[in-house]
Amino acid sequence: MAKWTAYPYDTAEYQRDAATLKKHWARLHTGDAEPWPKDTAVQAAWALFHAGHFQQAVEAGLKAGGAGITVANKAQAIHANYLEKSEKNKLALFLEVAERAAAQQVEEPGNANAHYWQAYALGRYSQGISVAKALSQGLGSKVKTALETAIKLQPKHADAHIALGAFHAEVIDKVGKLLGKTQGADASTGLKMFREALKLNPTSAIAMVEYANGLVMLEGDKKMAEAEQLYADAAGAEAQDAMERLDVEMAKAELED
């Protein structure tokens, strides 16, 4: 594995041993509803992830196997989305996550995050190649089905609600309401998903950011003030780990533009 871009911020406050990680687990995993792992090797992989050591978290997660696959998928997807500079490498990383998650579904069909990380990776890959092109390849229905399955398996999966809201918004924004309907995209469903995500995870910076983006895509300029307030709230959120810090910094950068 080639050396990945290093995490750009100080992570001292996010370094946690297993006992401290367990204490903070519920808050750190409000978004993905991942259960506390019994395997100490998987716990160690998660500690690496939360501290921003994404490449090591992938390696440790894959080595641990089982629940460690989820750590690996999350760490690789987050790295690809926020830190990978090469578009070609980014797309390859997303496809690798999608393939691993699909294999994980076969082994554990009841694992909500196996479905979620496949959807997340394919969704980001679709944005990279263009949403219209991805829809023509049938990726839209794969993303939608995987997210709906994740929510059915774990109704409190806030991140899956965010991603499903983003699916509806992105499709309508890129191909219009009429064509969007053929892909199962619906504006009111999208907005409902965003609201539900924020109800499940009210302090989530990424939920605020994605909701803001979705509002503008679906409702236009009349929702700009509300969207800007959501961005401001996201920029002021208190990050509890390396991933959340990336979300907050993204919101800050958006406000400065």
Protein backbone atom coordinates (compact mmCIF):
# COMPACT_ATOMS: atom_id res chain seq x y z
CA MET A 1 0.00 0.00 0.00
CA ALA A 2 1.47 3.36 -1.08
CA LYS A 3 1.89 5.92 1.68
CA TRP A 4 -1.24 8.00 2.15
CA THR A 5 -1.46 11.74 2.77
CA ALA A 6 -0.95 12.38 6.47
CA TYR A 7 -3.78 13.77 8.57
CA PRO A 8 -3.25 17.55 8.58
CA TYR A 9 -4.35 18.54 12.12
CA ASP A 10 -3.11 17.89 15.63
CA THR A 11 -4.77 14.73 16.95
CA ALA A 12 -3.42 14.64 20.51
CA GLU A 13 -6.88 15.09 22.03
CA TYR A 14 -8.27 12.21 19.94
CA GLN A 15 -5.77 9.58 21.14
CA ARG A 16 -7.67 7.09 23.32
CA ASP A 17 -6.92 3.75 24.90
CA ALA A 18 -9.57 1.00 24.82
CA ALA A 19 -11.16 1.98 28.15
CA THR A 20 -11.47 5.66 27.18
CA LEU A 21 -12.69 4.73 23.71
CA LYS A 22 -15.44 2.57 25.21
CA LYS A 23 -16.51 5.44 27.44
CA HIS A 24 -16.88 7.75 24.42
CA TRP A 25 -18.16 5.08 22.02
CA ALA A 26 -21.87 5.98 22.05
CA ARG A 27 -21.13 9.63 21.21
CA LEU A 28 -18.51 8.78 18.57
CA HIS A 29 -20.81 6.30 16.85
CA THR A 30 -24.12 8.13 17.01
CA GLY A 31 -23.80 8.54 13.25
CA ASP A 32 -23.12 4.97 12.16
CA ALA A 33 -24.66 3.03 15.08
CA GLU A 34 -21.70 0.61 15.04
CA PRO A 35 -21.80 -1.66 18.12
CA TRP A 36 -18.85 -1.79 20.51
CA PRO A 37 -16.52 -4.57 19.27
CA LYS A 38 -15.54 -7.42 21.59
CA ASP A 39 -12.32 -8.14 19.70
CA THR A 40 -9.43 -6.11 21.19
CA ALA A 41 -7.70 -5.98 17.80
CA VAL A 42 -10.79 -4.30 16.33
CA GLN A 43 -10.92 -1.89 19.28
CA ALA A 44 -7.29 -0.95 18.54
CA ALA A 45 -8.14 -0.39 14.86
CA TRP A 46 -10.98 1.94 15.85
CA ALA A 47 -8.66 3.86 18.18
CA LEU A 48 -6.35 4.45 15.19
CA PHE A 49 -9.28 5.62 13.09
CA HIS A 50 -10.59 8.10 15.65
CA ALA A 51 -7.07 9.50 16.08
CA GLY A 52 -6.76 10.18 12.33
CA HIS A 53 -4.34 7.35 11.53
CA PHE A 54 -6.48 6.22 8.63
CA GLN A 55 -3.97 4.09 6.74
CA GLN A 56 -2.95 2.22 9.89
CA ALA A 57 -6.62 1.78 10.79
CA VAL A 58 -7.24 0.15 7.40
CA GLU A 59 -4.28 -2.19 7.82
CA ALA A 60 -5.24 -3.08 11.41
CA GLY A 61 -8.90 -3.58 10.50
CA LEU A 62 -8.15 -5.86 7.56
CA LYS A 63 -5.71 -7.87 9.68
CA ALA A 64 -8.32 -8.29 12.45
CA GLY A 65 -11.02 -9.36 9.97
CA GLY A 66 -14.66 -9.74 11.00
CA ALA A 67 -15.87 -6.44 12.49
CA GLY A 68 -12.49 -5.00 11.57
CA ILE A 69 -13.61 -4.84 7.92
CA THR A 70 -16.00 -2.04 8.88
CA VAL A 71 -13.16 0.01 10.43
CA ALA A 72 -11.09 -0.53 7.29
CA ASN A 73 -13.95 0.54 5.04
CA LYS A 74 -14.72 3.66 7.06
CA ALA A 75 -11.09 4.73 7.38
CA GLN A 76 -10.41 4.23 3.67
CA ALA A 77 -13.60 5.99 2.58
CA ILE A 78 -13.00 8.99 4.85
CA HIS A 79 -9.37 9.27 3.75
CA ALA A 80 -10.37 9.09 0.09
CA ASN A 81 -13.10 11.68 0.50
CA TYR A 82 -11.14 14.29 2.45
CA LEU A 83 -7.43 13.73 2.03
CA GLU A 84 -6.61 11.89 -1.22
CA LYS A 85 -5.24 14.39 -3.75
CA SER A 86 -5.27 12.20 -6.87
CA GLU A 87 -8.72 11.82 -8.44
CA LYS A 88 -7.70 8.51 -10.01
CA ASN A 89 -6.52 7.09 -6.66
CA LYS A 90 -9.62 8.43 -4.91
CA LEU A 91 -11.95 6.60 -7.31
CA ALA A 92 -9.90 3.39 -6.97
CA LEU A 93 -10.08 3.61 -3.16
CA PHE A 94 -13.86 4.07 -3.26
CA LEU A 95 -14.32 1.08 -5.59
CA GLU A 96 -12.19 -1.07 -3.31
CA VAL A 97 -14.36 -0.12 -0.31
CA ALA A 98 -17.53 -0.85 -2.29
CA GLU A 99 -16.23 -4.30 -3.27
CA ARG A 100 -15.17 -5.16 0.30
CA ALA A 101 -18.50 -4.00 1.68
CA ALA A 102 -20.40 -6.08 -0.89
CA ALA A 103 -18.39 -9.15 0.15
CA GLN A 104 -19.08 -8.31 3.80
CA GLN A 105 -22.83 -8.27 3.05
CA VAL A 106 -22.60 -11.85 1.82
CA GLU A 107 -20.89 -12.90 5.06
CA GLU A 108 -23.11 -10.72 7.29
CA PRO A 109 -26.37 -9.77 5.53
CA GLY A 110 -27.69 -8.23 8.77
CA ASN A 111 -24.74 -5.83 9.14
CA ALA A 112 -26.13 -2.34 8.47
CA ASN A 113 -22.69 -0.83 7.93
CA ALA A 114 -21.79 -3.38 5.25
CA HIS A 115 -24.66 -1.89 3.24
CA TYR A 116 -23.92 1.69 4.29
CA TRP A 117 -20.24 1.69 3.32
CA GLN A 118 -21.01 0.14 -0.06
CA ALA A 119 -23.53 2.94 -0.66
CA TYR A 120 -21.20 5.67 0.63
CA ALA A 121 -18.31 4.50 -1.55
CA LEU A 122 -20.45 4.10 -4.67
CA GLY A 123 -22.11 7.46 -4.01
CA ARG A 124 -18.78 9.29 -3.76
CA TYR A 125 -17.49 7.36 -6.79
CA SER A 126 -20.61 8.47 -8.69
CA GLN A 127 -19.94 12.11 -7.81
CA GLY A 128 -16.40 11.65 -9.10
CA ILE A 129 -17.40 10.30 -12.51
CA SER A 130 -20.57 12.53 -12.71
CA VAL A 131 -23.94 11.62 -11.29
CA ALA A 132 -25.56 11.40 -14.74
CA LYS A 133 -22.91 8.91 -15.94
CA ALA A 134 -23.27 6.88 -12.72
CA LEU A 135 -27.06 6.71 -13.15
CA SER A 136 -26.62 5.42 -16.70
CA GLN A 137 -24.43 2.63 -15.26
CA GLY A 138 -27.13 1.64 -12.78
CA LEU A 139 -25.20 2.82 -9.74
CA GLY A 140 -28.06 5.00 -8.49
CA SER A 141 -30.35 2.08 -7.73
CA LYS A 142 -27.47 0.24 -6.02
CA VAL A 143 -26.81 3.22 -3.74
CA LYS A 144 -30.49 3.74 -2.95
CA THR A 145 -31.15 0.06 -2.23
CA ALA A 146 -28.07 -0.27 0.00
CA LEU A 147 -29.02 2.82 2.03
CA GLU A 148 -32.64 1.75 2.42
CA THR A 149 -31.41 -1.68 3.56
CA ALA A 150 -29.05 -0.08 6.10
CA ILE A 151 -31.92 1.97 7.55
CA LYS A 152 -34.24 -1.03 7.62
CA LEU A 153 -31.60 -3.01 9.54
CA GLN A 154 -30.71 -0.09 11.83
CA PRO A 155 -33.43 2.62 11.94
CA LYS A 156 -31.20 4.87 14.08
CA HIS A 157 -28.41 4.98 11.49
CA ALA A 158 -28.15 8.76 11.15
CA ASP A 159 -25.42 8.66 8.49
CA ALA A 160 -27.53 6.44 6.23
CA HIS A 161 -30.36 8.96 6.51
CA ILE A 162 -27.95 11.76 5.53
CA ALA A 163 -26.66 9.79 2.55
CA LEU A 164 -30.17 8.86 1.39
CA GLY A 165 -31.21 12.51 1.63
CA ALA A 166 -28.14 13.42 -0.43
CA PHE A 167 -29.03 10.75 -3.01
CA HIS A 168 -32.48 12.26 -3.60
CA ALA A 169 -31.08 15.81 -3.70
CA GLU A 170 -28.13 15.02 -5.99
CA VAL A 171 -30.19 13.08 -8.52
CA ILE A 172 -32.87 15.78 -8.76
CA ASP A 173 -30.23 18.52 -8.93
CA LYS A 174 -28.31 16.79 -11.74
CA VAL A 175 -31.09 15.31 -13.93
CA GLY A 176 -34.24 17.17 -12.82
CA LYS A 177 -37.40 16.10 -11.03
CA LEU A 178 -38.94 14.27 -13.98
CA LEU A 179 -35.94 12.09 -14.83
CA GLY A 180 -35.15 11.86 -11.12
CA LYS A 181 -38.51 10.20 -10.56
CA THR A 182 -37.44 7.33 -12.83
CA GLN A 183 -34.50 6.80 -10.43
CA GLY A 184 -36.79 6.84 -7.39
CA ALA A 185 -35.66 10.33 -6.36
CA ASP A 186 -38.19 12.52 -4.56
CA ALA A 187 -37.60 15.98 -3.06
CA SER A 188 -39.90 15.62 -0.04
CA THR A 189 -38.38 12.23 0.84
CA GLY A 190 -34.90 13.73 0.60
CA LEU A 191 -35.74 16.61 2.95
CA LYS A 192 -37.41 14.20 5.36
CA MET A 193 -34.24 12.07 5.46
CA PHE A 194 -32.06 15.10 6.29
CA ARG A 195 -34.40 16.18 9.09
CA GLU A 196 -34.47 12.67 10.52
CA ALA A 197 -30.66 12.51 10.44
CA LEU A 198 -30.38 15.71 12.46
CA LYS A 199 -32.98 14.44 14.91
CA LEU A 200 -30.91 11.27 15.41
CA ASN A 201 -27.56 13.09 15.55
CA PRO A 202 -28.20 16.78 16.35
CA THR A 203 -24.54 17.75 16.88
CA SER A 204 -23.32 16.25 13.59
CA ALA A 205 -21.45 18.81 11.47
CA ILE A 206 -21.69 16.63 8.36
CA ALA A 207 -25.47 16.26 8.78
CA MET A 208 -25.77 20.07 8.90
CA VAL A 209 -23.51 20.52 5.87
CA GLU A 210 -25.30 17.91 3.76
CA TYR A 211 -28.72 19.25 4.78
CA ALA A 212 -27.61 22.74 3.78
CA ASN A 213 -26.42 21.47 0.40
CA GLY A 214 -29.63 19.50 -0.06
CA LEU A 215 -31.83 22.50 0.77
CA VAL A 216 -30.13 24.61 -1.91
CA MET A 217 -30.28 21.80 -4.49
CA LEU A 218 -33.96 21.11 -3.86
CA GLU A 219 -35.37 24.51 -2.88
CA GLY A 220 -32.95 27.01 -4.44
CA ASP A 221 -32.07 30.52 -3.31
CA LYS A 222 -35.09 30.90 -1.05
CA LYS A 223 -33.40 28.49 1.37
CA MET A 224 -29.97 30.16 1.16
CA ALA A 225 -30.24 31.90 4.54
CA GLU A 226 -31.22 28.65 6.26
CA ALA A 227 -28.39 26.83 4.50
CA GLU A 228 -25.86 29.47 5.59
CA GLN A 229 -27.03 29.13 9.19
CA LEU A 230 -26.57 25.36 9.01
CA TYR A 231 -23.03 25.89 7.70
CA ALA A 232 -22.33 28.33 10.55
CA ASP A 233 -23.65 25.80 13.08
CA ALA A 234 -21.49 23.08 11.51
CA ALA A 235 -18.41 25.33 11.63
CA GLY A 236 -19.04 25.91 15.32
CA ALA A 237 -19.57 22.23 16.18
CA GLU A 238 -17.21 20.59 18.66
CA ALA A 239 -15.29 17.76 17.00
CA GLN A 240 -14.79 14.63 19.08
CA ASP A 241 -12.47 12.79 16.71
CA ALA A 242 -10.34 13.24 13.59
CA MET A 243 -13.19 12.62 11.15
CA GLU A 244 -15.47 15.16 12.83
CA ARG A 245 -12.63 17.70 12.74
CA LEU A 246 -12.47 17.27 8.95
CA ASP A 247 -16.22 17.93 8.72
CA VAL A 248 -15.95 21.09 10.86
CA GLU A 249 -12.96 22.38 8.87
CA MET A 250 -14.85 21.78 5.62
CA ALA A 251 -17.77 23.86 6.92
CA LYS A 252 -15.39 26.65 7.97
CA ALA A 253 -13.76 26.67 4.51
CA GLU A 254 -17.18 26.84 2.84
CA LEU A 255 -18.14 29.88 4.93
CA GLU A 256 -14.93 31.67 3.95
CA ASP A 257 -15.55 31.20 0.21
